[in-house]
């Protein structure tokens, strides 16, 4: 967690917002809808959020779709049910709007694996390299980047550059390795990873596939290479969701955060979705940061207008340039949000 976010969280604690008791008789869905109207607020949610938040969100999507939606919203207040780098991105694109994050402790292990001072030194070791950073990074890393990408557009962005262009890819080594493999590039990779996607057990998934031979394995490219090697389909959360909708197959093993399975089941109620097992004692693979946001916290942050995400204008402008470049390229590629 950055010093800025930590200080903001302490300020919220002082004001007592975290100690407010909610009347158990309140219909939170109704109250949140009322607050949206009163404050001209929009609720954006990532696919990994809990089902209640997904069901009341105005827009649900992956990182690319959420960035695009944040860029075009006319709301005065953006409530971002996700993690802090996502809310930061919304603020970068909307300096005049209030951006709220239900729980400021909702961080990201991948973003935390790439501290800006260390990455700046790493970048200086490769002065002739262009920097492509996965959107799952802090505003500080975005400010050190030339182009931002998501798992939906990373391959297309890399392929749009001349083959002789030297590239640093940060912060996810697994996504970077996958892009290297599928494009034939040799990008220099920062050694970062997502705790959720690194924990899948190859042994347990292999056994699960043996028990369910009819099931197709769908995986996010943040997974490690041995998992990707046996996957039937590899894609972003949105791409995986669309694949399972259109596929004639009726059973899937899902190797990404389990929150996506709520939308999968809603969109394909007659199909079976099985969470890929992690290498621990848990039954499924949840992101502890994403799950810090709750319906109660969404209600409180909308009611009190806090916690709010802010940043210095110099940092915002520097971080905005590579995001704008990504949005421009995504439009050229025909990738909608």
C-alpha atoms as a PDB file:
ATOM      1  CA  UNK A   1       0.000   0.000   0.000  1.00  0.00           C
ATOM      2  CA  UNK A   2       1.350   3.434  -0.942  1.00  0.00           C
ATOM      3  CA  UNK A   3       1.968   6.119   1.701  1.00  0.00           C
ATOM      4  CA  UNK A   4      -0.755   8.226   0.100  1.00  0.00           C
ATOM      5  CA  UNK A   5      -3.348   5.472   0.373  1.00  0.00           C
ATOM      6  CA  UNK A   6      -2.255   4.588   3.915  1.00  0.00           C
ATOM      7  CA  UNK A   7      -2.623   8.228   4.993  1.00  0.00           C
ATOM      8  CA  UNK A   8      -6.049   8.434   3.368  1.00  0.00           C
ATOM      9  CA  UNK A   9      -7.134   5.288   5.181  1.00  0.00           C
ATOM     10  CA  UNK A  10      -5.982   6.695   8.533  1.00  0.00           C
ATOM     11  CA  UNK A  11      -7.968   9.860   7.848  1.00  0.00           C
ATOM     12  CA  UNK A  12     -11.097   7.787   7.195  1.00  0.00           C
ATOM     13  CA  UNK A  13     -10.508   5.951  10.476  1.00  0.00           C
ATOM     14  CA  UNK A  14     -10.308   9.285  12.322  1.00  0.00           C
ATOM     15  CA  UNK A  15     -13.637  10.388  10.865  1.00  0.00           C
ATOM     16  CA  UNK A  16     -15.234   7.186  12.063  1.00  0.00           C
ATOM     17  CA  UNK A  17     -16.685   5.954   8.778  1.00  0.00           C
ATOM     18  CA  UNK A  18     -15.330   2.466   9.428  1.00  0.00           C
ATOM     19  CA  UNK A  19     -17.227   2.188  12.708  1.00  0.00           C
ATOM     20  CA  UNK A  20     -20.679   3.103  11.376  1.00  0.00           C
ATOM     21  CA  UNK A  21     -23.282   0.444  12.089  1.00  0.00           C
ATOM     22  CA  UNK A  22     -25.781  -0.161   9.300  1.00  0.00           C
ATOM     23  CA  UNK A  23     -29.434  -0.658  10.150  1.00  0.00           C
ATOM     24  CA  UNK A  24     -29.979  -4.379   9.378  1.00  0.00           C
ATOM     25  CA  UNK A  25     -33.484  -3.629   8.112  1.00  0.00           C
ATOM     26  CA  UNK A  26     -32.146  -1.451   5.270  1.00  0.00           C
ATOM     27  CA  UNK A  27     -32.495  -2.792   1.738  1.00  0.00           C
ATOM     28  CA  UNK A  28     -28.948  -2.009   0.599  1.00  0.00           C
ATOM     29  CA  UNK A  29     -29.764  -2.587  -3.063  1.00  0.00           C
ATOM     30  CA  UNK A  30     -32.527   0.024  -2.842  1.00  0.00           C
ATOM     31  CA  UNK A  31     -30.394   2.439  -0.801  1.00  0.00           C
ATOM     32  CA  UNK A  32     -27.450   2.202  -3.213  1.00  0.00           C
ATOM     33  CA  UNK A  33     -29.727   2.830  -6.201  1.00  0.00           C
ATOM     34  CA  UNK A  34     -31.139   5.876  -4.383  1.00  0.00           C
ATOM     35  CA  UNK A  35     -27.636   7.215  -3.686  1.00  0.00           C
ATOM     36  CA  UNK A  36     -26.674   6.735  -7.320  1.00  0.00           C
ATOM     37  CA  UNK A  37     -29.559   8.979  -8.369  1.00  0.00           C
ATOM     38  CA  UNK A  38     -28.982  11.585  -5.654  1.00  0.00           C
ATOM     39  CA  UNK A  39     -25.257  11.941  -6.294  1.00  0.00           C
ATOM     40  CA  UNK A  40     -25.174  11.199 -10.030  1.00  0.00           C
ATOM     41  CA  UNK A  41     -22.890   8.287  -9.228  1.00  0.00           C
ATOM     42  CA  UNK A  42     -21.934   5.256 -11.284  1.00  0.00           C
ATOM     43  CA  UNK A  43     -20.842   1.930  -9.803  1.00  0.00           C
ATOM     44  CA  UNK A  44     -18.158   0.131 -11.809  1.00  0.00           C
ATOM     45  CA  UNK A  45     -17.288  -3.415 -10.770  1.00  0.00           C
ATOM     46  CA  UNK A  46     -14.707  -5.965 -11.792  1.00  0.00           C
ATOM     47  CA  UNK A  47     -15.750  -9.530 -12.592  1.00  0.00           C
ATOM     48  CA  UNK A  48     -13.916 -10.683  -9.467  1.00  0.00           C
ATOM     49  CA  UNK A  49     -16.223  -8.835  -7.068  1.00  0.00           C
ATOM     50  CA  UNK A  50     -18.751 -10.672  -4.895  1.00  0.00           C
ATOM     51  CA  UNK A  51     -22.063 -11.530  -6.645  1.00  0.00           C
ATOM     52  CA  UNK A  52     -24.144  -8.878  -4.810  1.00  0.00           C
ATOM     53  CA  UNK A  53     -21.833  -6.100  -6.018  1.00  0.00           C
ATOM     54  CA  UNK A  54     -21.858  -7.447  -9.569  1.00  0.00           C
ATOM     55  CA  UNK A  55     -25.661  -7.560  -9.533  1.00  0.00           C
ATOM     56  CA  UNK A  56     -26.057  -3.901  -8.542  1.00  0.00           C
ATOM     57  CA  UNK A  57     -23.194  -2.509 -10.643  1.00  0.00           C
ATOM     58  CA  UNK A  58     -23.923  -0.215 -13.583  1.00  0.00           C
ATOM     59  CA  UNK A  59     -21.065  -1.796 -15.502  1.00  0.00           C
ATOM     60  CA  UNK A  60     -19.160  -5.042 -14.975  1.00  0.00           C
ATOM     61  CA  UNK A  61     -15.990  -5.760 -16.891  1.00  0.00           C
ATOM     62  CA  UNK A  62     -12.312  -6.592 -17.055  1.00  0.00           C
ATOM     63  CA  UNK A  63      -9.517  -4.041 -16.785  1.00  0.00           C
ATOM     64  CA  UNK A  64      -9.812  -2.851 -20.413  1.00  0.00           C
ATOM     65  CA  UNK A  65     -13.583  -2.491 -20.321  1.00  0.00           C
ATOM     66  CA  UNK A  66     -13.490  -0.728 -16.971  1.00  0.00           C
ATOM     67  CA  UNK A  67     -10.845   1.743 -18.164  1.00  0.00           C
ATOM     68  CA  UNK A  68     -12.898   2.473 -21.266  1.00  0.00           C
ATOM     69  CA  UNK A  69     -16.078   2.920 -19.234  1.00  0.00           C
ATOM     70  CA  UNK A  70     -14.291   5.196 -16.754  1.00  0.00           C
ATOM     71  CA  UNK A  71     -13.052   7.318 -19.671  1.00  0.00           C
ATOM     72  CA  UNK A  72     -16.536   7.901 -21.092  1.00  0.00           C
ATOM     73  CA  UNK A  73     -18.791   8.170 -18.034  1.00  0.00           C
ATOM     74  CA  UNK A  74     -20.800  11.340 -17.456  1.00  0.00           C
ATOM     75  CA  UNK A  75     -21.272  10.637 -13.742  1.00  0.00           C
ATOM     76  CA  UNK A  76     -20.030  13.101 -11.128  1.00  0.00           C
ATOM     77  CA  UNK A  77     -18.990  10.297  -8.779  1.00  0.00           C
ATOM     78  CA  UNK A  78     -17.296   7.022  -9.756  1.00  0.00           C
ATOM     79  CA  UNK A  79     -17.540   4.235  -7.198  1.00  0.00           C
ATOM     80  CA  UNK A  80     -14.978   1.618  -8.169  1.00  0.00           C
ATOM     81  CA  UNK A  81     -15.620  -1.849  -6.791  1.00  0.00           C
ATOM     82  CA  UNK A  82     -12.239  -3.332  -7.545  1.00  0.00           C
ATOM     83  CA  UNK A  83      -8.710  -2.758  -6.283  1.00  0.00           C
ATOM     84  CA  UNK A  84      -6.742   0.449  -5.858  1.00  0.00           C
ATOM     85  CA  UNK A  85      -4.900   0.458  -9.203  1.00  0.00           C
ATOM     86  CA  UNK A  86      -8.299   0.319 -10.956  1.00  0.00           C
ATOM     87  CA  UNK A  87      -9.647   3.270  -8.974  1.00  0.00           C
ATOM     88  CA  UNK A  88      -6.375   5.112  -9.645  1.00  0.00           C
ATOM     89  CA  UNK A  89      -6.884   4.556 -13.371  1.00  0.00           C
ATOM     90  CA  UNK A  90     -10.396   6.010 -13.135  1.00  0.00           C
ATOM     91  CA  UNK A  91      -8.998   9.081 -11.330  1.00  0.00           C
ATOM     92  CA  UNK A  92      -6.208   9.484 -13.881  1.00  0.00           C
ATOM     93  CA  UNK A  93      -8.843   9.648 -16.619  1.00  0.00           C
ATOM     94  CA  UNK A  94     -11.293  11.789 -14.613  1.00  0.00           C
ATOM     95  CA  UNK A  95      -9.433  14.448 -12.589  1.00  0.00           C
ATOM     96  CA  UNK A  96     -12.583  16.534 -12.097  1.00  0.00           C
ATOM     97  CA  UNK A  97     -14.681  13.630 -10.771  1.00  0.00           C
ATOM     98  CA  UNK A  98     -14.770  12.136  -7.290  1.00  0.00           C
ATOM     99  CA  UNK A  99     -13.482   8.550  -7.380  1.00  0.00           C
ATOM    100  CA  UNK A 100     -14.324   6.329  -4.423  1.00  0.00           C
ATOM    101  CA  UNK A 101     -12.951   2.922  -3.456  1.00  0.00           C
ATOM    102  CA  UNK A 102     -15.099   1.022  -0.905  1.00  0.00           C
ATOM    103  CA  UNK A 103     -12.033  -0.340   0.916  1.00  0.00           C
ATOM    104  CA  UNK A 104      -8.650   1.366   0.558  1.00  0.00           C
ATOM    105  CA  UNK A 105      -6.968  -1.825   1.747  1.00  0.00           C
ATOM    106  CA  UNK A 106      -8.083  -3.512  -1.487  1.00  0.00           C
ATOM    107  CA  UNK A 107      -4.630  -3.648  -3.004  1.00  0.00           C
ATOM    108  CA  UNK A 108      -3.061  -5.966  -5.577  1.00  0.00           C
ATOM    109  CA  UNK A 109      -0.225  -8.445  -5.092  1.00  0.00           C
ATOM    110  CA  UNK A 110       0.883  -7.974  -8.712  1.00  0.00           C
ATOM    111  CA  UNK A 111       0.985  -4.201  -8.411  1.00  0.00           C
ATOM    112  CA  UNK A 112       2.859  -4.478  -5.096  1.00  0.00           C
ATOM    113  CA  UNK A 113       5.475  -6.726  -6.737  1.00  0.00           C
ATOM    114  CA  UNK A 114       6.716  -3.775  -8.812  1.00  0.00           C
ATOM    115  CA  UNK A 115       7.762  -0.791  -6.632  1.00  0.00           C
ATOM    116  CA  UNK A 116       8.363   2.333  -8.791  1.00  0.00           C
ATOM    117  CA  UNK A 117      11.875   3.163  -7.412  1.00  0.00           C
ATOM    118  CA  UNK A 118      13.125  -0.358  -8.183  1.00  0.00           C
ATOM    119  CA  UNK A 119      11.476  -0.400 -11.589  1.00  0.00           C
ATOM    120  CA  UNK A 120      12.949   3.002 -12.438  1.00  0.00           C
ATOM    121  CA  UNK A 121      16.439   1.604 -11.769  1.00  0.00           C
ATOM    122  CA  UNK A 122      15.593  -1.498 -13.838  1.00  0.00           C
ATOM    123  CA  UNK A 123      14.388   0.690 -16.717  1.00  0.00           C
ATOM    124  CA  UNK A 124      17.612   2.731 -16.605  1.00  0.00           C
ATOM    125  CA  UNK A 125      19.559  -0.481 -17.243  1.00  0.00           C
ATOM    126  CA  UNK A 126      17.738  -0.809 -20.592  1.00  0.00           C
ATOM    127  CA  UNK A 127      17.761   2.740 -22.014  1.00  0.00           C
ATOM    128  CA  UNK A 128      16.921   1.676 -25.584  1.00  0.00           C
ATOM    129  CA  UNK A 129      13.809  -0.299 -24.564  1.00  0.00           C
ATOM    130  CA  UNK A 130      10.198   0.832 -24.809  1.00  0.00           C
ATOM    131  CA  UNK A 131       8.155   0.043 -21.687  1.00  0.00           C
ATOM    132  CA  UNK A 132       4.808  -1.760 -21.944  1.00  0.00           C
ATOM    133  CA  UNK A 133       3.165  -2.166 -18.561  1.00  0.00           C
ATOM    134  CA  UNK A 134       0.176  -4.307 -17.729  1.00  0.00           C
ATOM    135  CA  UNK A 135      -2.599  -2.142 -16.293  1.00  0.00           C
ATOM    136  CA  UNK A 136      -2.345  -4.075 -12.990  1.00  0.00           C
ATOM    137  CA  UNK A 137       0.254  -1.643 -11.680  1.00  0.00           C
ATOM    138  CA  UNK A 138       0.424   1.563  -9.661  1.00  0.00           C
ATOM    139  CA  UNK A 139       0.164   5.083 -11.057  1.00  0.00           C
ATOM    140  CA  UNK A 140       3.900   5.363 -10.366  1.00  0.00           C
ATOM    141  CA  UNK A 141       4.659   2.485 -12.750  1.00  0.00           C
ATOM    142  CA  UNK A 142       2.243   3.837 -15.354  1.00  0.00           C
ATOM    143  CA  UNK A 143       4.125   7.134 -15.236  1.00  0.00           C
ATOM    144  CA  UNK A 144       7.346   5.255 -16.097  1.00  0.00           C
ATOM    145  CA  UNK A 145       5.708   3.448 -19.039  1.00  0.00           C
ATOM    146  CA  UNK A 146       5.256   4.191 -22.739  1.00  0.00           C
ATOM    147  CA  UNK A 147       2.131   2.092 -23.301  1.00  0.00           C
ATOM    148  CA  UNK A 148      -0.295   0.415 -20.908  1.00  0.00           C
ATOM    149  CA  UNK A 149      -1.927  -2.880 -21.896  1.00  0.00           C
ATOM    150  CA  UNK A 150      -4.451  -5.346 -20.537  1.00  0.00           C
ATOM    151  CA  UNK A 151      -4.683  -9.092 -21.020  1.00  0.00           C
ATOM    152  CA  UNK A 152      -7.316  -8.366 -23.710  1.00  0.00           C
ATOM    153  CA  UNK A 153      -5.026  -6.263 -25.884  1.00  0.00           C
ATOM    154  CA  UNK A 154      -1.430  -7.071 -24.846  1.00  0.00           C
ATOM    155  CA  UNK A 155      -0.701  -9.351 -27.809  1.00  0.00           C
ATOM    156  CA  UNK A 156      -2.127  -6.876 -30.328  1.00  0.00           C
ATOM    157  CA  UNK A 157      -0.201  -3.966 -28.835  1.00  0.00           C
ATOM    158  CA  UNK A 158       3.085  -5.868 -28.918  1.00  0.00           C
ATOM    159  CA  UNK A 159       2.467  -7.028 -32.487  1.00  0.00           C
ATOM    160  CA  UNK A 160       1.704  -3.440 -33.578  1.00  0.00           C
ATOM    161  CA  UNK A 161       5.298  -2.452 -32.810  1.00  0.00           C
ATOM    162  CA  UNK A 162       8.242  -3.063 -35.179  1.00  0.00           C
ATOM    163  CA  UNK A 163       9.897  -6.431 -34.590  1.00  0.00           C
ATOM    164  CA  UNK A 164      13.226  -4.737 -33.982  1.00  0.00           C
ATOM    165  CA  UNK A 165      11.782  -2.606 -31.177  1.00  0.00           C
ATOM    166  CA  UNK A 166      13.246  -3.660 -27.841  1.00  0.00           C
ATOM    167  CA  UNK A 167      10.638  -3.927 -25.094  1.00  0.00           C
ATOM    168  CA  UNK A 168      10.465  -4.155 -21.314  1.00  0.00           C
ATOM    169  CA  UNK A 169       7.253  -5.811 -20.148  1.00  0.00           C
ATOM    170  CA  UNK A 170       6.082  -5.258 -16.580  1.00  0.00           C
ATOM    171  CA  UNK A 171       4.998  -6.255 -14.027  1.00  0.00           C
ATOM    172  CA  UNK A 172       3.598  -9.753 -14.765  1.00  0.00           C
ATOM    173  CA  UNK A 173       6.234 -12.266 -15.864  1.00  0.00           C
ATOM    174  CA  UNK A 174       3.643 -14.935 -16.731  1.00  0.00           C
ATOM    175  CA  UNK A 175       1.619 -12.716 -19.052  1.00  0.00           C
ATOM    176  CA  UNK A 176       4.872 -11.407 -20.533  1.00  0.00           C
ATOM    177  CA  UNK A 177       6.177 -14.933 -21.123  1.00  0.00           C
ATOM    178  CA  UNK A 178       2.887 -15.907 -22.768  1.00  0.00           C
ATOM    179  CA  UNK A 179       3.074 -12.874 -25.091  1.00  0.00           C
ATOM    180  CA  UNK A 180       6.698 -13.690 -25.909  1.00  0.00           C
ATOM    181  CA  UNK A 181       5.688 -17.246 -26.804  1.00  0.00           C
ATOM    182  CA  UNK A 182       2.699 -16.280 -28.960  1.00  0.00           C
ATOM    183  CA  UNK A 183       4.422 -13.397 -30.782  1.00  0.00           C
ATOM    184  CA  UNK A 184       7.970 -14.752 -31.076  1.00  0.00           C
ATOM    185  CA  UNK A 185       9.327 -11.686 -29.256  1.00  0.00           C
ATOM    186  CA  UNK A 186      12.038 -11.602 -26.635  1.00  0.00           C
ATOM    187  CA  UNK A 187      10.766  -8.899 -24.290  1.00  0.00           C
ATOM    188  CA  UNK A 188      12.688  -8.252 -21.094  1.00  0.00           C
ATOM    189  CA  UNK A 189      10.367  -9.248 -18.251  1.00  0.00           C
ATOM    190  CA  UNK A 190      10.020  -7.729 -14.808  1.00  0.00           C
ATOM    191  CA  UNK A 191       9.814 -10.504 -12.212  1.00  0.00           C
ATOM    192  CA  UNK A 192       6.316  -9.878 -10.829  1.00  0.00           C
ATOM    193  CA  UNK A 193       3.265 -12.114 -10.478  1.00  0.00           C
ATOM    194  CA  UNK A 194      -0.324 -12.334  -9.238  1.00  0.00           C
ATOM    195  CA  UNK A 195      -0.753 -14.430  -6.086  1.00  0.00           C
ATOM    196  CA  UNK A 196      -4.162 -15.651  -7.299  1.00  0.00           C
ATOM    197  CA  UNK A 197      -3.020 -16.962 -10.673  1.00  0.00           C
ATOM    198  CA  UNK A 198       0.281 -18.391  -9.448  1.00  0.00           C
ATOM    199  CA  UNK A 199      -1.298 -20.697  -6.897  1.00  0.00           C
ATOM    200  CA  UNK A 200      -3.136 -23.097  -9.222  1.00  0.00           C
ATOM    201  CA  UNK A 201      -1.988 -26.689  -8.800  1.00  0.00           C
ATOM    202  CA  UNK A 202      -1.026 -28.507 -12.002  1.00  0.00           C
ATOM    203  CA  UNK A 203      -1.313 -31.862 -10.234  1.00  0.00           C
ATOM    204  CA  UNK A 204      -4.786 -31.145  -8.862  1.00  0.00           C
ATOM    205  CA  UNK A 205      -6.046 -29.735 -12.173  1.00  0.00           C
ATOM    206  CA  UNK A 206      -4.714 -32.788 -14.027  1.00  0.00           C
ATOM    207  CA  UNK A 207      -6.590 -35.061 -11.620  1.00  0.00           C
ATOM    208  CA  UNK A 208      -9.708 -32.910 -11.957  1.00  0.00           C
ATOM    209  CA  UNK A 209      -9.539 -33.175 -15.751  1.00  0.00           C
ATOM    210  CA  UNK A 210      -9.270 -36.954 -15.413  1.00  0.00           C
ATOM    211  CA  UNK A 211     -12.471 -36.960 -13.295  1.00  0.00           C
ATOM    212  CA  UNK A 212     -14.215 -34.629 -15.755  1.00  0.00           C
ATOM    213  CA  UNK A 213     -12.875 -35.608 -19.198  1.00  0.00           C
ATOM    214  CA  UNK A 214     -15.723 -33.708 -20.868  1.00  0.00           C
ATOM    215  CA  UNK A 215     -14.682 -30.390 -19.276  1.00  0.00           C
ATOM    216  CA  UNK A 216     -12.564 -27.835 -21.117  1.00  0.00           C
ATOM    217  CA  UNK A 217      -9.880 -25.968 -19.159  1.00  0.00           C
ATOM    218  CA  UNK A 218     -10.073 -22.181 -19.622  1.00  0.00           C
ATOM    219  CA  UNK A 219      -7.227 -20.124 -18.167  1.00  0.00           C
ATOM    220  CA  UNK A 220      -6.101 -16.529 -17.734  1.00  0.00           C
ATOM    221  CA  UNK A 221      -2.639 -15.735 -19.185  1.00  0.00           C
ATOM    222  CA  UNK A 222      -1.460 -14.618 -15.723  1.00  0.00           C
ATOM    223  CA  UNK A 223      -1.322 -18.333 -14.861  1.00  0.00           C
ATOM    224  CA  UNK A 224       2.028 -20.117 -14.912  1.00  0.00           C
ATOM    225  CA  UNK A 225       3.203 -21.789 -18.121  1.00  0.00           C
ATOM    226  CA  UNK A 226       2.492 -25.426 -17.073  1.00  0.00           C
ATOM    227  CA  UNK A 227      -1.191 -24.510 -16.561  1.00  0.00           C
ATOM    228  CA  UNK A 228      -1.363 -22.625 -19.852  1.00  0.00           C
ATOM    229  CA  UNK A 229       0.251 -25.569 -21.632  1.00  0.00           C
ATOM    230  CA  UNK A 230      -2.701 -27.843 -20.851  1.00  0.00           C
ATOM    231  CA  UNK A 231      -5.429 -25.203 -21.257  1.00  0.00           C
ATOM    232  CA  UNK A 232      -8.030 -25.541 -24.006  1.00  0.00           C
ATOM    233  CA  UNK A 233      -8.517 -21.768 -24.137  1.00  0.00           C
ATOM    234  CA  UNK A 234      -6.402 -18.860 -22.845  1.00  0.00           C
ATOM    235  CA  UNK A 235      -7.789 -15.351 -22.559  1.00  0.00           C
ATOM    236  CA  UNK A 236      -8.716 -12.333 -20.451  1.00  0.00           C
ATOM    237  CA  UNK A 237     -11.701 -12.556 -18.122  1.00  0.00           C
ATOM    238  CA  UNK A 238     -13.993 -11.093 -20.793  1.00  0.00           C
ATOM    239  CA  UNK A 239     -12.566 -13.377 -23.481  1.00  0.00           C
ATOM    240  CA  UNK A 240     -13.015 -16.429 -21.232  1.00  0.00           C
ATOM    241  CA  UNK A 241     -16.590 -15.398 -20.443  1.00  0.00           C
ATOM    242  CA  UNK A 242     -17.465 -14.997 -24.128  1.00  0.00           C
ATOM    243  CA  UNK A 243     -15.753 -18.275 -25.005  1.00  0.00           C
ATOM    244  CA  UNK A 244     -17.804 -20.251 -22.479  1.00  0.00           C
ATOM    245  CA  UNK A 245     -20.998 -18.582 -23.730  1.00  0.00           C
ATOM    246  CA  UNK A 246     -20.373 -19.412 -27.382  1.00  0.00           C
ATOM    247  CA  UNK A 247     -18.800 -22.843 -26.921  1.00  0.00           C
ATOM    248  CA  UNK A 248     -20.952 -25.881 -27.666  1.00  0.00           C
ATOM    249  CA  UNK A 249     -19.247 -27.576 -24.737  1.00  0.00           C
ATOM    250  CA  UNK A 250     -21.290 -27.750 -21.545  1.00  0.00           C
ATOM    251  CA  UNK A 251     -18.603 -28.144 -18.876  1.00  0.00           C
ATOM    252  CA  UNK A 252     -15.580 -25.999 -17.989  1.00  0.00           C
ATOM    253  CA  UNK A 253     -12.756 -25.939 -15.449  1.00  0.00           C
ATOM    254  CA  UNK A 254     -12.023 -22.273 -14.743  1.00  0.00           C
ATOM    255  CA  UNK A 255      -8.419 -21.240 -13.951  1.00  0.00           C
ATOM    256  CA  UNK A 256      -8.873 -17.649 -12.872  1.00  0.00           C
ATOM    257  CA  UNK A 257     -10.405 -15.829  -9.888  1.00  0.00           C
ATOM    258  CA  UNK A 258     -13.723 -17.445  -8.963  1.00  0.00           C
ATOM    259  CA  UNK A 259     -15.730 -14.193  -9.110  1.00  0.00           C
ATOM    260  CA  UNK A 260     -16.060 -14.604 -12.887  1.00  0.00           C
ATOM    261  CA  UNK A 261     -18.101 -17.760 -12.376  1.00  0.00           C
ATOM    262  CA  UNK A 262     -21.089 -15.700 -11.208  1.00  0.00           C
ATOM    263  CA  UNK A 263     -21.406 -14.108 -14.649  1.00  0.00           C
ATOM    264  CA  UNK A 264     -20.645 -17.406 -16.366  1.00  0.00           C
ATOM    265  CA  UNK A 265     -23.517 -19.095 -14.560  1.00  0.00           C
ATOM    266  CA  UNK A 266     -25.871 -16.173 -15.232  1.00  0.00           C
ATOM    267  CA  UNK A 267     -25.033 -16.103 -18.941  1.00  0.00           C
ATOM    268  CA  UNK A 268     -24.984 -19.903 -19.383  1.00  0.00           C
ATOM    269  CA  UNK A 269     -27.329 -21.324 -16.706  1.00  0.00           C
ATOM    270  CA  UNK A 270     -27.383 -24.792 -18.231  1.00  0.00           C
ATOM    271  CA  UNK A 271     -23.612 -25.206 -18.243  1.00  0.00           C
ATOM    272  CA  UNK A 272     -21.323 -26.500 -15.496  1.00  0.00           C
ATOM    273  CA  UNK A 273     -18.396 -24.440 -14.186  1.00  0.00           C
ATOM    274  CA  UNK A 274     -15.781 -25.943 -11.887  1.00  0.00           C
ATOM    275  CA  UNK A 275     -13.228 -23.802 -10.051  1.00  0.00           C
ATOM    276  CA  UNK A 276      -9.666 -24.913 -10.783  1.00  0.00           C
ATOM    277  CA  UNK A 277      -8.061 -26.016  -7.506  1.00  0.00           C
ATOM    278  CA  UNK A 278      -5.182 -24.063  -5.987  1.00  0.00           C
ATOM    279  CA  UNK A 279      -2.167 -25.574  -4.265  1.00  0.00           C
ATOM    280  CA  UNK A 280      -3.515 -24.961  -0.768  1.00  0.00           C
ATOM    281  CA  UNK A 281      -6.274 -26.152   1.537  1.00  0.00           C
ATOM    282  CA  UNK A 282      -8.950 -23.862   0.062  1.00  0.00           C
ATOM    283  CA  UNK A 283     -11.659 -25.206  -2.212  1.00  0.00           C
ATOM    284  CA  UNK A 284     -11.396 -22.338  -4.669  1.00  0.00           C
ATOM    285  CA  UNK A 285      -9.183 -19.476  -5.764  1.00  0.00           C
ATOM    286  CA  UNK A 286     -10.328 -16.098  -4.432  1.00  0.00           C
ATOM    287  CA  UNK A 287      -8.444 -12.802  -4.474  1.00  0.00           C
ATOM    288  CA  UNK A 288      -8.378 -11.619  -0.843  1.00  0.00           C
ATOM    289  CA  UNK A 289      -7.981  -8.003  -1.992  1.00  0.00           C
ATOM    290  CA  UNK A 290     -10.969  -8.039  -4.356  1.00  0.00           C
ATOM    291  CA  UNK A 291     -13.112  -9.660  -1.695  1.00  0.00           C
ATOM    292  CA  UNK A 292     -12.427  -6.855   0.815  1.00  0.00           C
ATOM    293  CA  UNK A 293     -15.145  -4.851  -0.932  1.00  0.00           C
ATOM    294  CA  UNK A 294     -18.641  -5.676   0.319  1.00  0.00           C
ATOM    295  CA  UNK A 295     -22.127  -4.379  -0.367  1.00  0.00           C
ATOM    296  CA  UNK A 296     -22.070  -2.663   3.037  1.00  0.00           C
ATOM    297  CA  UNK A 297     -18.824  -0.853   2.209  1.00  0.00           C
ATOM    298  CA  UNK A 298     -20.198   0.216  -1.188  1.00  0.00           C
ATOM    299  CA  UNK A 299     -23.197   1.737   0.595  1.00  0.00           C
ATOM    300  CA  UNK A 300     -21.075   3.521   3.223  1.00  0.00           C
ATOM    301  CA  UNK A 301     -18.585   4.952   0.744  1.00  0.00           C
ATOM    302  CA  UNK A 302     -21.432   6.314  -1.406  1.00  0.00           C
ATOM    303  CA  UNK A 303     -23.246   7.734   1.632  1.00  0.00           C
ATOM    304  CA  UNK A 304     -20.193   9.496   3.110  1.00  0.00           C
ATOM    305  CA  UNK A 305     -18.242  10.183  -0.095  1.00  0.00           C
ATOM    306  CA  UNK A 306     -15.161   8.407   1.197  1.00  0.00           C
ATOM    307  CA  UNK A 307     -12.596   6.857   0.939  1.00  0.00           C
ATOM    308  CA  UNK A 308     -11.616   9.026  -2.021  1.00  0.00           C
ATOM    309  CA  UNK A 309      -8.715   8.284  -4.383  1.00  0.00           C
ATOM    310  CA  UNK A 310      -6.500  11.289  -5.142  1.00  0.00           C
ATOM    311  CA  UNK A 311      -3.020  11.867  -6.546  1.00  0.00           C
ATOM    312  CA  UNK A 312      -0.632  14.713  -7.429  1.00  0.00           C
ATOM    313  CA  UNK A 313      -1.452  16.312 -10.793  1.00  0.00           C
ATOM    314  CA  UNK A 314       2.103  15.808 -12.102  1.00  0.00           C
ATOM    315  CA  UNK A 315       1.836  12.063 -11.464  1.00  0.00           C
ATOM    316  CA  UNK A 316      -1.650  11.900 -12.973  1.00  0.00           C
ATOM    317  CA  UNK A 317      -0.572  13.572 -16.212  1.00  0.00           C
ATOM    318  CA  UNK A 318       2.488  11.331 -16.568  1.00  0.00           C
ATOM    319  CA  UNK A 319       0.406   8.198 -15.947  1.00  0.00           C
ATOM    320  CA  UNK A 320      -2.337   9.313 -18.338  1.00  0.00           C
ATOM    321  CA  UNK A 321      -0.136   9.372 -21.454  1.00  0.00           C
ATOM    322  CA  UNK A 322       0.437   5.589 -21.703  1.00  0.00           C
ATOM    323  CA  UNK A 323      -3.214   4.893 -20.801  1.00  0.00           C
ATOM    324  CA  UNK A 324      -4.387   7.214 -23.577  1.00  0.00           C
ATOM    325  CA  UNK A 325      -2.074   5.380 -25.949  1.00  0.00           C
ATOM    326  CA  UNK A 326      -3.656   2.058 -24.946  1.00  0.00           C
ATOM    327  CA  UNK A 327      -7.180   3.395 -25.415  1.00  0.00           C
ATOM    328  CA  UNK A 328      -6.271   4.768 -28.846  1.00  0.00           C
ATOM    329  CA  UNK A 329      -4.757   1.453 -29.936  1.00  0.00           C
ATOM    330  CA  UNK A 330      -7.697  -0.532 -28.554  1.00  0.00           C
ATOM    331  CA  UNK A 331     -10.040   1.608 -30.628  1.00  0.00           C
ATOM    332  CA  UNK A 332      -7.922   0.910 -33.709  1.00  0.00           C
ATOM    333  CA  UNK A 333      -8.045  -2.814 -32.960  1.00  0.00           C
ATOM    334  CA  UNK A 334     -11.840  -2.671 -32.592  1.00  0.00           C
ATOM    335  CA  UNK A 335     -11.765  -3.741 -28.957  1.00  0.00           C
ATOM    336  CA  UNK A 336     -14.843  -2.365 -27.242  1.00  0.00           C
ATOM    337  CA  UNK A 337     -15.472  -2.115 -23.536  1.00  0.00           C
END
